[in-house]
């Protein structure tokens, strides 16, 4: 995996988990209590994803009844699609014959 994509994938995993939490009508406090994590952990992760432990991600996914592997796969697909889309929108810079 391209190291440049890791932060985007981490952010997308957090976005997908946050979106599912809201879809299920759970507050951050409710998710935290059910996952045996702190509310500040959930809030911080959703706002500015860092590298949480696998255990923490599995706890959140379990409460949300999601397969963490599928969430990660979807995040990778979403980031890859965005990357392809943005590269298509960026015009190719043509070099002049002098290399500029």
Protein backbone atom coordinates (compact mmCIF):
# COMPACT_ATOMS: atom_id res chain seq x y z
CA UNK A 1 0.00 0.00 0.00
CA UNK A 2 1.22 3.45 -0.85
CA UNK A 3 2.36 5.26 2.33
CA UNK A 4 0.78 8.47 1.01
CA UNK A 5 -2.67 6.83 1.12
CA UNK A 6 -2.54 5.66 4.74
CA UNK A 7 -3.72 8.92 6.33
CA UNK A 8 -6.58 9.18 3.82
CA UNK A 9 -7.60 5.58 4.45
CA UNK A 10 -7.49 6.10 8.23
CA UNK A 11 -9.69 9.17 7.87
CA UNK A 12 -12.10 7.27 5.64
CA UNK A 13 -12.35 4.38 8.14
CA UNK A 14 -13.18 6.92 10.86
CA UNK A 15 -15.73 8.60 8.58
CA UNK A 16 -17.43 5.29 7.76
CA UNK A 17 -17.61 4.25 11.42
CA UNK A 18 -18.90 7.67 12.45
CA UNK A 19 -21.50 7.61 9.69
CA UNK A 20 -22.72 4.18 10.85
CA UNK A 21 -22.84 5.34 14.47
CA UNK A 22 -25.06 8.25 13.50
CA UNK A 23 -27.19 6.07 11.19
CA UNK A 24 -27.89 3.78 14.14
CA UNK A 25 -28.82 6.76 16.31
CA UNK A 26 -26.02 6.23 18.81
CA UNK A 27 -24.37 9.12 20.58
CA UNK A 28 -20.62 9.12 21.10
CA UNK A 29 -21.28 8.44 24.79
CA UNK A 30 -23.47 5.44 23.99
CA UNK A 31 -20.92 3.98 21.57
CA UNK A 32 -18.11 4.57 24.04
CA UNK A 33 -20.00 2.85 26.85
CA UNK A 34 -20.94 -0.15 24.71
CA UNK A 35 -17.40 -0.48 23.34
CA UNK A 36 -15.81 0.06 26.78
CA UNK A 37 -13.89 3.07 25.47
CA UNK A 38 -13.90 6.67 26.63
CA UNK A 39 -16.12 9.28 25.00
CA UNK A 40 -13.03 11.41 24.42
CA UNK A 41 -11.47 8.51 22.50
CA UNK A 42 -14.51 8.25 20.21
CA UNK A 43 -14.69 12.02 19.76
CA UNK A 44 -10.99 12.32 19.05
CA UNK A 45 -10.97 9.41 16.64
CA UNK A 46 -13.92 10.74 14.65
CA UNK A 47 -12.55 14.28 14.54
CA UNK A 48 -8.90 13.58 13.86
CA UNK A 49 -8.12 9.91 13.25
CA UNK A 50 -4.79 8.69 14.48
CA UNK A 51 -3.63 5.09 14.71
CA UNK A 52 -5.96 3.47 17.22
CA UNK A 53 -5.27 -0.08 18.32
CA UNK A 54 -6.80 -2.95 16.44
CA UNK A 55 -8.64 -3.87 19.63
CA UNK A 56 -10.31 -0.43 19.78
CA UNK A 57 -11.39 -0.63 16.15
CA UNK A 58 -12.73 -4.15 16.65
CA UNK A 59 -14.72 -2.99 19.69
CA UNK A 60 -16.30 -0.16 17.73
CA UNK A 61 -17.05 -2.39 14.74
CA UNK A 62 -18.56 -5.03 17.03
CA UNK A 63 -20.94 -2.53 18.65
CA UNK A 64 -21.94 -1.26 15.21
CA UNK A 65 -22.32 -4.86 13.98
CA UNK A 66 -19.84 -4.28 11.17
CA UNK A 67 -17.07 -6.45 9.78
CA UNK A 68 -13.92 -4.37 10.30
CA UNK A 69 -12.25 -5.97 7.28
CA UNK A 70 -15.15 -4.84 5.11
CA UNK A 71 -14.97 -1.32 6.53
CA UNK A 72 -11.26 -1.15 5.70
CA UNK A 73 -11.86 -2.60 2.23
CA UNK A 74 -14.58 0.01 1.59
CA UNK A 75 -12.31 2.80 2.86
CA UNK A 76 -9.54 1.70 0.48
CA UNK A 77 -11.99 1.57 -2.43
CA UNK A 78 -13.36 5.02 -1.60
CA UNK A 79 -9.92 6.59 -1.30
CA UNK A 80 -8.71 4.92 -4.49
CA UNK A 81 -11.80 6.13 -6.37
CA UNK A 82 -11.28 9.68 -5.11
CA UNK A 83 -7.65 9.56 -6.14
CA UNK A 84 -8.53 8.37 -9.66
CA UNK A 85 -11.30 10.96 -9.91
CA UNK A 86 -9.05 13.82 -8.85
CA UNK A 87 -6.27 12.73 -11.21
CA UNK A 88 -8.76 12.77 -14.09
CA UNK A 89 -9.78 16.32 -13.24
CA UNK A 90 -6.19 17.57 -13.07
CA UNK A 91 -5.05 18.59 -16.50
CA UNK A 92 -1.79 17.03 -17.58
CA UNK A 93 0.88 19.61 -17.72
CA UNK A 94 2.61 19.47 -21.02
CA UNK A 95 6.28 20.13 -21.05
CA UNK A 96 7.73 22.52 -23.46
CA UNK A 97 10.42 21.25 -25.77
CA UNK A 98 13.02 22.89 -23.52
CA UNK A 99 11.85 20.68 -20.61
CA UNK A 100 9.90 23.33 -18.67
